Amino acid sequence: MICEAVEDFAAALPAGRALLGLDLGTKTIGVALSDRLLSAATPLETVKRRKFSLDAARLLEITTAREVGGIVLGLPRNMDGSEGPRCQSTRAFARNLEKLTDLPIAFWDERLSTVAAERALLEADTTRKRRAEVIDNVAASYILQGILDRLSHMRAGR
């Protein structure tokens, strides 16, 4: 089930299950995982993209092994908030993934997540080679942390 509103996503989440965050690139998919309390996101791995069926199979393997309760996809909006071709391809990926899983799927605005990840890796004095290896899953953790923070504020407001 694809949830356009964060509130719908929150309502569809089972208690005590982690969330999976994805940063979809053309060559790789950055993957991050939350804790079961939905408070912290951690970079997990980078999946090299091949074809959808293989990519989806790997992601669903992770959701099963890690007992994931929902999936968050970074939505690469343009800086003015409009949606371009990359957003369309992310939405298409979500529609295809939705056919293979009952997990709720949400989108999170990922503008500047890669920039933030790059800055954090530079501050940590990471080598260029290592940055290239981990940038996607670190960006996925920024995306996932964004929605975790939003969910936390929603719970606090109740």
Protein backbone atom coordinates (compact mmCIF):
# COMPACT_ATOMS: atom_id res chain seq x y z
CA MET A 1 0.00 0.00 0.00
CA ILE A 2 1.43 3.36 -1.05
CA CYS A 3 0.74 6.11 1.47
CA GLU A 4 0.96 9.65 0.10
CA ALA A 5 0.42 11.23 3.54
CA VAL A 6 2.78 10.58 6.46
CA GLU A 7 -0.27 10.27 8.73
CA ASP A 8 -1.62 7.37 6.63
CA PHE A 9 1.80 5.71 6.68
CA ALA A 10 2.01 6.08 10.48
CA ALA A 11 -1.45 4.53 10.89
CA ALA A 12 -0.50 1.55 8.69
CA LEU A 13 2.72 0.71 10.57
CA PRO A 14 2.75 -2.31 12.86
CA ALA A 15 4.15 -1.64 16.35
CA GLY A 16 7.69 -2.69 17.21
CA ARG A 17 8.97 -3.13 13.66
CA ALA A 18 11.84 -1.31 11.97
CA LEU A 19 11.55 0.85 8.85
CA LEU A 20 13.64 0.53 5.70
CA GLY A 21 14.81 3.71 3.98
CA LEU A 22 15.80 3.72 0.31
CA ASP A 23 17.75 6.21 -1.77
CA LEU A 24 17.10 5.15 -5.38
CA GLY A 25 19.86 6.03 -7.78
CA THR A 26 20.30 5.00 -11.39
CA LYS A 27 23.18 2.63 -10.57
CA THR A 28 22.66 1.84 -6.88
CA ILE A 29 20.06 1.79 -4.13
CA GLY A 30 21.20 3.08 -0.76
CA VAL A 31 19.57 1.15 2.07
CA ALA A 32 19.16 2.26 5.68
CA LEU A 33 17.38 0.64 8.63
CA SER A 34 15.75 2.12 11.71
CA ASP A 35 15.67 0.66 15.17
CA ARG A 36 12.40 -0.88 16.38
CA LEU A 37 11.57 2.22 18.44
CA LEU A 38 11.67 4.31 15.24
CA SER A 39 14.14 6.76 16.70
CA ALA A 40 17.42 6.29 14.79
CA ALA A 41 18.37 5.44 11.21
CA THR A 42 21.55 3.54 10.38
CA PRO A 43 23.14 3.04 6.94
CA LEU A 44 22.88 -0.65 6.05
CA GLU A 45 24.13 -1.43 2.54
CA THR A 46 24.26 -0.34 -1.07
CA VAL A 47 22.50 -2.55 -3.59
CA LYS A 48 23.97 -2.44 -7.11
CA ARG A 49 21.05 -2.02 -9.50
CA ARG A 50 20.59 -4.70 -12.14
CA LYS A 51 16.96 -5.18 -13.08
CA PHE A 52 13.85 -4.50 -11.04
CA SER A 53 13.06 -8.12 -10.19
CA LEU A 54 16.56 -8.72 -8.79
CA ASP A 55 16.65 -5.38 -6.96
CA ALA A 56 13.21 -5.99 -5.42
CA ALA A 57 14.13 -9.54 -4.42
CA ARG A 58 17.17 -8.25 -2.50
CA LEU A 59 15.16 -5.50 -0.81
CA LEU A 60 12.40 -7.92 0.19
CA GLU A 61 15.06 -10.32 1.53
CA ILE A 62 16.23 -7.50 3.79
CA THR A 63 12.67 -6.65 4.91
CA THR A 64 12.09 -10.26 5.93
CA ALA A 65 15.46 -10.79 7.62
CA ARG A 66 15.21 -7.50 9.54
CA GLU A 67 11.47 -7.78 10.31
CA VAL A 68 10.71 -4.47 8.63
CA GLY A 69 7.25 -2.93 9.07
CA GLY A 70 7.36 -0.25 6.35
CA ILE A 71 9.43 1.16 3.49
CA VAL A 72 10.36 4.81 2.90
CA LEU A 73 11.54 5.94 -0.52
CA GLY A 74 13.39 9.20 -0.98
CA LEU A 75 11.46 11.36 -3.45
CA PRO A 76 13.95 13.46 -5.45
CA ARG A 77 11.93 16.64 -5.96
CA ASN A 78 13.39 19.61 -7.79
CA MET A 79 14.55 22.49 -5.59
CA ASP A 80 11.32 24.39 -6.38
CA GLY A 81 9.28 21.42 -5.07
CA SER A 82 8.11 20.23 -8.49
CA GLU A 83 8.44 16.63 -9.61
CA GLY A 84 10.61 15.73 -12.58
CA PRO A 85 11.53 12.48 -14.33
CA ARG A 86 13.45 11.10 -11.33
CA CYS A 87 10.32 11.44 -9.15
CA GLN A 88 8.27 9.65 -11.80
CA SER A 89 10.77 6.80 -11.87
CA THR A 90 10.73 6.59 -8.03
CA ARG A 91 6.93 6.47 -8.03
CA ALA A 92 7.01 3.75 -10.72
CA PHE A 93 9.48 1.75 -8.59
CA ALA A 94 7.10 2.09 -5.61
CA ARG A 95 4.10 0.93 -7.69
CA ASN A 96 6.05 -2.12 -8.87
CA LEU A 97 7.28 -2.88 -5.34
CA GLU A 98 3.74 -2.51 -3.98
CA LYS A 99 2.70 -5.50 -6.13
CA LEU A 100 5.26 -7.69 -4.33
CA THR A 101 4.70 -6.75 -0.67
CA ASP A 102 1.94 -5.85 1.77
CA LEU A 103 4.24 -3.45 3.64
CA PRO A 104 3.16 0.19 3.66
CA ILE A 105 5.32 2.37 1.40
CA ALA A 106 5.83 6.11 1.91
CA PHE A 107 7.76 8.86 0.19
CA TRP A 108 9.98 11.42 1.90
CA ASP A 109 11.33 14.57 0.28
CA GLU A 110 15.01 13.86 -0.20
CA ARG A 111 16.17 17.26 -1.40
CA LEU A 112 19.73 17.83 -0.19
CA SER A 113 20.03 14.42 1.53
CA THR A 114 23.03 13.48 -0.64
CA VAL A 115 24.58 16.90 0.01
CA ALA A 116 24.13 16.41 3.77
CA ALA A 117 25.56 12.89 3.57
CA GLU A 118 28.56 14.12 1.57
CA ARG A 119 29.19 16.90 4.09
CA ALA A 120 29.01 14.46 7.03
CA LEU A 121 31.44 12.09 5.33
CA LEU A 122 33.84 14.95 4.55
CA GLU A 123 33.68 16.11 8.18
CA ALA A 124 34.50 12.54 9.23
CA ASP A 125 37.59 12.79 6.98
CA THR A 126 36.44 9.85 4.87
CA THR A 127 38.57 9.05 1.83
CA ARG A 128 37.14 9.74 -1.62
CA LYS A 129 37.03 6.00 -2.37
CA ARG A 130 35.17 5.22 0.88
CA ARG A 131 32.74 8.14 0.33
CA ALA A 132 31.87 6.70 -3.09
CA GLU A 133 31.18 3.31 -1.49
CA VAL A 134 28.90 4.56 1.29
CA ILE A 135 27.32 7.82 0.04
CA ASP A 136 24.08 6.14 -1.08
CA ASN A 137 23.33 4.29 2.14
CA VAL A 138 24.32 7.33 4.22
CA ALA A 139 21.91 9.42 2.09
CA ALA A 140 19.25 6.72 2.70
CA SER A 141 19.80 7.11 6.44
CA TYR A 142 19.26 10.89 6.15
CA ILE A 143 16.00 10.24 4.27
CA LEU A 144 14.87 7.68 6.84
CA GLN A 145 15.86 9.90 9.78
CA GLY A 146 13.72 12.68 8.33
CA ILE A 147 10.55 10.60 8.43
CA LEU A 148 11.49 9.11 11.83
CA ASP A 149 11.74 12.62 13.25
CA ARG A 150 8.36 13.51 11.71
CA LEU A 151 6.76 10.37 13.17
CA SER A 152 8.27 11.20 16.56
CA HIS A 153 6.77 14.72 16.45
CA MET A 154 3.41 13.26 15.49
CA ARG A 155 3.48 10.87 18.48
CA ALA A 156 4.56 13.68 20.83
CA GLY A 157 1.65 15.81 19.62
CA ARG A 158 -0.99 13.25 20.59
